[in-house]
Amino acid sequence: MKIYTKTGDNGETALFGGGRVSKDQIRIEAYGTVDELNALIGTARAFNENDEIDSLLGEVQDTLFVLGADLATPTGIPNVSVKRISAADAAALENHIDELEERLEPLRSFVLPGGSKSAALLHQARTVCRRAERRVVTLRKSEKISEDTLVYLNRLSDYLFMLARYANKAGNVPEIPWRTRPEPDSRR
């Protein structure tokens, strides 16, 4: 089987369940951003040296494939069965967040994204997750989608933040607190 089909050469792509749309259509933008997020999480895993974090990120990648298929499949198409994101997926992230929070020092200030290579990439993944969430919000304005997709992405960005903090702790890399800059002296 060849990887290229040439069916997208004119700027259109097929949706799961049928139909062709422009590659810049918001649905494509939404699940394309989820795909970008999944690839970035794979990069974070490549730089990660902690088995627990690797396993947790593997679960996220599996769920992001489900989310991508969910977004690529308009609701209500007859004879099409695709696994959809559910409330249980967000609840699982909440449980992981609560477990990680118990193992970390409480935040006393904002922290700057960075630290270990893995944590820095997880912070970047968090920002891509927020962009995916924004794309899904835009999609929801024009098409019916499951509310669970939006809840999952919102919870996932929180989870990636906690995993970045945990990656720094596991690697004995201090977090960098954000400090406000002093106001300029207006007497000069």
C-alpha atoms as a PDB file:
ATOM      1  CA  MET A   1       0.000   0.000   0.000  1.00  0.00           C
ATOM      2  CA  LYS A   2       1.372   3.387  -0.975  1.00  0.00           C
ATOM      3  CA  ILE A   3       1.348   6.239   1.523  1.00  0.00           C
ATOM      4  CA  TYR A   4       0.385   8.808  -1.099  1.00  0.00           C
ATOM      5  CA  THR A   5      -3.013   8.768  -2.786  1.00  0.00           C
ATOM      6  CA  LYS A   6      -2.882  12.038  -4.763  1.00  0.00           C
ATOM      7  CA  THR A   7      -6.521  12.638  -3.771  1.00  0.00           C
ATOM      8  CA  GLY A   8      -5.526  15.692  -1.736  1.00  0.00           C
ATOM      9  CA  ASP A   9      -3.492  17.362  -4.438  1.00  0.00           C
ATOM     10  CA  ASN A  10      -6.246  19.899  -5.107  1.00  0.00           C
ATOM     11  CA  GLY A  11      -6.418  21.115  -1.480  1.00  0.00           C
ATOM     12  CA  GLU A  12      -9.243  18.877  -0.266  1.00  0.00           C
ATOM     13  CA  THR A  13      -9.312  15.933   2.110  1.00  0.00           C
ATOM     14  CA  ALA A  14     -11.826  13.237   2.989  1.00  0.00           C
ATOM     15  CA  LEU A  15     -13.652  13.087   6.289  1.00  0.00           C
ATOM     16  CA  PHE A  16     -14.127   9.761   8.026  1.00  0.00           C
ATOM     17  CA  GLY A  17     -17.590   8.591   7.045  1.00  0.00           C
ATOM     18  CA  GLY A  18     -17.536  10.359   3.694  1.00  0.00           C
ATOM     19  CA  GLY A  19     -17.493  13.779   2.207  1.00  0.00           C
ATOM     20  CA  ARG A  20     -14.633  15.973   1.084  1.00  0.00           C
ATOM     21  CA  VAL A  21     -13.752  19.371   2.506  1.00  0.00           C
ATOM     22  CA  SER A  22     -11.082  22.006   2.014  1.00  0.00           C
ATOM     23  CA  LYS A  23      -7.900  21.352   3.961  1.00  0.00           C
ATOM     24  CA  ASP A  24      -8.229  24.755   5.611  1.00  0.00           C
ATOM     25  CA  GLN A  25     -11.742  24.001   6.925  1.00  0.00           C
ATOM     26  CA  ILE A  26     -12.023  24.497  10.704  1.00  0.00           C
ATOM     27  CA  ARG A  27     -12.724  20.806  11.373  1.00  0.00           C
ATOM     28  CA  ILE A  28      -9.447  19.917   9.635  1.00  0.00           C
ATOM     29  CA  GLU A  29      -7.675  22.704  11.515  1.00  0.00           C
ATOM     30  CA  ALA A  30      -9.034  21.327  14.813  1.00  0.00           C
ATOM     31  CA  TYR A  31      -8.001  17.715  14.373  1.00  0.00           C
ATOM     32  CA  GLY A  32      -4.778  18.770  12.651  1.00  0.00           C
ATOM     33  CA  THR A  33      -3.834  20.712  15.773  1.00  0.00           C
ATOM     34  CA  VAL A  34      -4.653  17.650  17.889  1.00  0.00           C
ATOM     35  CA  ASP A  35      -2.314  15.665  15.610  1.00  0.00           C
ATOM     36  CA  GLU A  36       0.392  18.322  16.097  1.00  0.00           C
ATOM     37  CA  LEU A  37      -0.105  18.045  19.853  1.00  0.00           C
ATOM     38  CA  ASN A  38       0.235  14.264  19.680  1.00  0.00           C
ATOM     39  CA  ALA A  39       3.499  14.574  17.727  1.00  0.00           C
ATOM     40  CA  LEU A  40       4.860  17.070  20.247  1.00  0.00           C
ATOM     41  CA  ILE A  41       3.997  14.727  23.104  1.00  0.00           C
ATOM     42  CA  GLY A  42       5.926  12.043  21.217  1.00  0.00           C
ATOM     43  CA  THR A  43       8.887  14.419  21.121  1.00  0.00           C
ATOM     44  CA  ALA A  44       8.567  15.056  24.851  1.00  0.00           C
ATOM     45  CA  ARG A  45       8.580  11.289  25.388  1.00  0.00           C
ATOM     46  CA  ALA A  46      11.768  10.985  23.336  1.00  0.00           C
ATOM     47  CA  PHE A  47      13.513  13.445  25.668  1.00  0.00           C
ATOM     48  CA  ASN A  48      11.947  12.020  28.816  1.00  0.00           C
ATOM     49  CA  GLU A  49      13.929   9.649  31.049  1.00  0.00           C
ATOM     50  CA  ASN A  50      11.206   8.783  33.562  1.00  0.00           C
ATOM     51  CA  ASP A  51       9.282   5.533  32.989  1.00  0.00           C
ATOM     52  CA  GLU A  52       6.203   6.707  34.894  1.00  0.00           C
ATOM     53  CA  ILE A  53       5.929   9.897  32.840  1.00  0.00           C
ATOM     54  CA  ASP A  54       6.488   7.920  29.638  1.00  0.00           C
ATOM     55  CA  SER A  55       3.607   5.587  30.506  1.00  0.00           C
ATOM     56  CA  LEU A  56       1.298   8.500  31.358  1.00  0.00           C
ATOM     57  CA  LEU A  57       2.147  10.256  28.105  1.00  0.00           C
ATOM     58  CA  GLY A  58       1.551   7.041  26.176  1.00  0.00           C
ATOM     59  CA  GLU A  59      -2.005   6.958  27.565  1.00  0.00           C
ATOM     60  CA  VAL A  60      -2.497  10.559  26.444  1.00  0.00           C
ATOM     61  CA  GLN A  61      -1.252   9.778  22.935  1.00  0.00           C
ATOM     62  CA  ASP A  62      -3.675   6.863  22.638  1.00  0.00           C
ATOM     63  CA  THR A  63      -6.562   9.084  23.735  1.00  0.00           C
ATOM     64  CA  LEU A  64      -5.514  11.852  21.344  1.00  0.00           C
ATOM     65  CA  PHE A  65      -5.903   9.386  18.458  1.00  0.00           C
ATOM     66  CA  VAL A  66      -9.469   8.786  19.630  1.00  0.00           C
ATOM     67  CA  LEU A  67     -10.012  12.546  19.877  1.00  0.00           C
ATOM     68  CA  GLY A  68      -8.650  13.081  16.372  1.00  0.00           C
ATOM     69  CA  ALA A  69     -10.972  10.423  14.946  1.00  0.00           C
ATOM     70  CA  ASP A  70     -13.866  11.936  16.907  1.00  0.00           C
ATOM     71  CA  LEU A  71     -13.198  15.371  15.426  1.00  0.00           C
ATOM     72  CA  ALA A  72     -12.663  13.931  11.931  1.00  0.00           C
ATOM     73  CA  THR A  73     -16.064  12.243  12.006  1.00  0.00           C
ATOM     74  CA  PRO A  74     -19.097  14.515  11.878  1.00  0.00           C
ATOM     75  CA  THR A  75     -21.873  13.388  14.205  1.00  0.00           C
ATOM     76  CA  GLY A  76     -25.002  11.804  12.812  1.00  0.00           C
ATOM     77  CA  ILE A  77     -23.505  10.048   9.800  1.00  0.00           C
ATOM     78  CA  PRO A  78     -25.470   6.824   9.254  1.00  0.00           C
ATOM     79  CA  ASN A  79     -23.610   3.487   9.400  1.00  0.00           C
ATOM     80  CA  VAL A  80     -20.436   5.039  10.801  1.00  0.00           C
ATOM     81  CA  SER A  81     -19.198   3.900  14.165  1.00  0.00           C
ATOM     82  CA  VAL A  82     -16.251   5.659  15.707  1.00  0.00           C
ATOM     83  CA  LYS A  83     -15.113   5.728  19.303  1.00  0.00           C
ATOM     84  CA  ARG A  84     -15.773   9.148  20.805  1.00  0.00           C
ATOM     85  CA  ILE A  85     -14.187  10.989  23.701  1.00  0.00           C
ATOM     86  CA  SER A  86     -16.256  10.594  26.855  1.00  0.00           C
ATOM     87  CA  ALA A  87     -16.557  12.242  30.247  1.00  0.00           C
ATOM     88  CA  ALA A  88     -14.566   9.309  31.641  1.00  0.00           C
ATOM     89  CA  ASP A  89     -11.517  10.436  29.657  1.00  0.00           C
ATOM     90  CA  ALA A  90     -11.493  13.850  31.348  1.00  0.00           C
ATOM     91  CA  ALA A  91     -12.221  12.220  34.726  1.00  0.00           C
ATOM     92  CA  ALA A  92      -9.135  10.008  34.305  1.00  0.00           C
ATOM     93  CA  LEU A  93      -7.012  13.119  33.729  1.00  0.00           C
ATOM     94  CA  GLU A  94      -8.500  14.740  36.831  1.00  0.00           C
ATOM     95  CA  ASN A  95      -7.480  11.693  38.895  1.00  0.00           C
ATOM     96  CA  HIS A  96      -3.935  11.875  37.526  1.00  0.00           C
ATOM     97  CA  ILE A  97      -3.785  15.627  38.210  1.00  0.00           C
ATOM     98  CA  ASP A  98      -4.894  15.088  41.808  1.00  0.00           C
ATOM     99  CA  GLU A  99      -2.268  12.343  42.299  1.00  0.00           C
ATOM    100  CA  LEU A 100       0.509  14.513  40.872  1.00  0.00           C
ATOM    101  CA  GLU A 101      -0.549  17.523  42.904  1.00  0.00           C
ATOM    102  CA  GLU A 102      -0.137  15.509  46.108  1.00  0.00           C
ATOM    103  CA  ARG A 103       3.460  14.732  45.126  1.00  0.00           C
ATOM    104  CA  LEU A 104       4.447  18.314  44.263  1.00  0.00           C
ATOM    105  CA  GLU A 105       5.107  21.373  46.363  1.00  0.00           C
ATOM    106  CA  PRO A 106       2.173  23.791  46.263  1.00  0.00           C
ATOM    107  CA  LEU A 107       2.592  26.628  43.796  1.00  0.00           C
ATOM    108  CA  ARG A 108       3.385  29.907  45.494  1.00  0.00           C
ATOM    109  CA  SER A 109       3.826  31.891  42.285  1.00  0.00           C
ATOM    110  CA  PHE A 110       3.552  31.462  38.555  1.00  0.00           C
ATOM    111  CA  VAL A 111       6.385  29.420  37.064  1.00  0.00           C
ATOM    112  CA  LEU A 112       8.115  30.100  33.792  1.00  0.00           C
ATOM    113  CA  PRO A 113       7.898  27.344  31.180  1.00  0.00           C
ATOM    114  CA  GLY A 114      11.142  25.409  31.118  1.00  0.00           C
ATOM    115  CA  GLY A 115      13.435  23.411  33.301  1.00  0.00           C
ATOM    116  CA  SER A 116      14.400  19.991  32.006  1.00  0.00           C
ATOM    117  CA  LYS A 117      14.158  19.223  28.283  1.00  0.00           C
ATOM    118  CA  SER A 118      11.137  17.020  28.926  1.00  0.00           C
ATOM    119  CA  ALA A 119       9.397  19.654  31.055  1.00  0.00           C
ATOM    120  CA  ALA A 120      10.081  22.395  28.509  1.00  0.00           C
ATOM    121  CA  LEU A 121       8.526  20.255  25.772  1.00  0.00           C
ATOM    122  CA  LEU A 122       5.542  19.457  27.993  1.00  0.00           C
ATOM    123  CA  HIS A 123       5.016  23.181  28.563  1.00  0.00           C
ATOM    124  CA  GLN A 124       5.121  23.666  24.798  1.00  0.00           C
ATOM    125  CA  ALA A 125       2.638  20.797  24.389  1.00  0.00           C
ATOM    126  CA  ARG A 126       0.377  22.573  26.883  1.00  0.00           C
ATOM    127  CA  THR A 127       0.304  25.673  24.684  1.00  0.00           C
ATOM    128  CA  VAL A 128      -0.443  23.609  21.568  1.00  0.00           C
ATOM    129  CA  CYS A 129      -3.220  21.917  23.550  1.00  0.00           C
ATOM    130  CA  ARG A 130      -4.690  25.340  24.309  1.00  0.00           C
ATOM    131  CA  ARG A 131      -4.564  26.168  20.588  1.00  0.00           C
ATOM    132  CA  ALA A 132      -6.360  22.891  19.797  1.00  0.00           C
ATOM    133  CA  GLU A 133      -8.965  23.851  22.374  1.00  0.00           C
ATOM    134  CA  ARG A 134      -9.462  27.232  20.671  1.00  0.00           C
ATOM    135  CA  ARG A 135      -9.868  25.521  17.286  1.00  0.00           C
ATOM    136  CA  VAL A 136     -12.486  23.170  18.766  1.00  0.00           C
ATOM    137  CA  VAL A 137     -14.356  26.149  20.259  1.00  0.00           C
ATOM    138  CA  THR A 138     -14.456  27.700  16.780  1.00  0.00           C
ATOM    139  CA  LEU A 139     -15.633  24.409  15.267  1.00  0.00           C
ATOM    140  CA  ARG A 140     -18.384  24.112  17.866  1.00  0.00           C
ATOM    141  CA  LYS A 141     -19.795  27.456  16.722  1.00  0.00           C
ATOM    142  CA  SER A 142     -20.577  26.047  13.280  1.00  0.00           C
ATOM    143  CA  GLU A 143     -20.986  22.291  13.746  1.00  0.00           C
ATOM    144  CA  LYS A 144     -22.338  19.906  16.335  1.00  0.00           C
ATOM    145  CA  ILE A 145     -19.566  18.194  18.270  1.00  0.00           C
ATOM    146  CA  SER A 146     -19.385  16.387  21.568  1.00  0.00           C
ATOM    147  CA  GLU A 147     -18.910  18.711  24.538  1.00  0.00           C
ATOM    148  CA  ASP A 148     -16.619  16.034  25.982  1.00  0.00           C
ATOM    149  CA  THR A 149     -13.940  16.914  23.399  1.00  0.00           C
ATOM    150  CA  LEU A 150     -13.697  20.443  24.728  1.00  0.00           C
ATOM    151  CA  VAL A 151     -13.696  19.319  28.368  1.00  0.00           C
ATOM    152  CA  TYR A 152     -10.956  16.778  27.619  1.00  0.00           C
ATOM    153  CA  LEU A 153      -8.693  19.350  25.952  1.00  0.00           C
ATOM    154  CA  ASN A 154      -9.225  21.832  28.775  1.00  0.00           C
ATOM    155  CA  ARG A 155      -8.304  19.201  31.360  1.00  0.00           C
ATOM    156  CA  LEU A 156      -5.384  17.943  29.251  1.00  0.00           C
ATOM    157  CA  SER A 157      -3.683  21.346  29.262  1.00  0.00           C
ATOM    158  CA  ASP A 158      -3.859  21.335  33.078  1.00  0.00           C
ATOM    159  CA  TYR A 159      -2.493  17.800  33.117  1.00  0.00           C
ATOM    160  CA  LEU A 160       0.420  18.695  30.838  1.00  0.00           C
ATOM    161  CA  PHE A 161       1.260  21.584  33.165  1.00  0.00           C
ATOM    162  CA  MET A 162       1.323  19.207  36.136  1.00  0.00           C
ATOM    163  CA  LEU A 163       3.392  16.655  34.210  1.00  0.00           C
ATOM    164  CA  ALA A 164       5.904  19.383  33.305  1.00  0.00           C
ATOM    165  CA  ARG A 165       6.205  20.283  36.970  1.00  0.00           C
ATOM    166  CA  TYR A 166       6.567  16.624  37.878  1.00  0.00           C
ATOM    167  CA  ALA A 167       9.204  16.074  35.164  1.00  0.00           C
ATOM    168  CA  ASN A 168      11.270  18.857  36.729  1.00  0.00           C
ATOM    169  CA  LYS A 169      10.885  17.347  40.181  1.00  0.00           C
ATOM    170  CA  ALA A 170      11.762  13.841  38.937  1.00  0.00           C
ATOM    171  CA  GLY A 171      14.843  15.248  37.197  1.00  0.00           C
ATOM    172  CA  ASN A 172      15.871  17.352  40.202  1.00  0.00           C
ATOM    173  CA  VAL A 173      15.564  20.486  38.090  1.00  0.00           C
ATOM    174  CA  PRO A 174      14.230  23.530  39.952  1.00  0.00           C
ATOM    175  CA  GLU A 175      11.250  25.397  38.616  1.00  0.00           C
ATOM    176  CA  ILE A 176      11.827  29.016  37.750  1.00  0.00           C
ATOM    177  CA  PRO A 177       9.356  31.314  39.509  1.00  0.00           C
ATOM    178  CA  TRP A 178       8.062  34.279  37.577  1.00  0.00           C
ATOM    179  CA  ARG A 179       8.996  37.558  39.151  1.00  0.00           C
ATOM    180  CA  THR A 180       7.413  40.860  38.351  1.00  0.00           C
ATOM    181  CA  ARG A 181       9.717  43.486  36.997  1.00  0.00           C
ATOM    182  CA  PRO A 182      10.130  46.596  39.101  1.00  0.00           C
ATOM    183  CA  GLU A 183       8.318  49.660  37.852  1.00  0.00           C
ATOM    184  CA  PRO A 184      10.608  52.117  36.097  1.00  0.00           C
ATOM    185  CA  ASP A 185      11.661  55.068  38.169  1.00  0.00           C
ATOM    186  CA  SER A 186       9.568  57.968  36.879  1.00  0.00           C
ATOM    187  CA  ARG A 187      11.818  60.554  38.569  1.00  0.00           C
ATOM    188  CA  ARG A 188      14.551  60.213  35.950  1.00  0.00           C
END
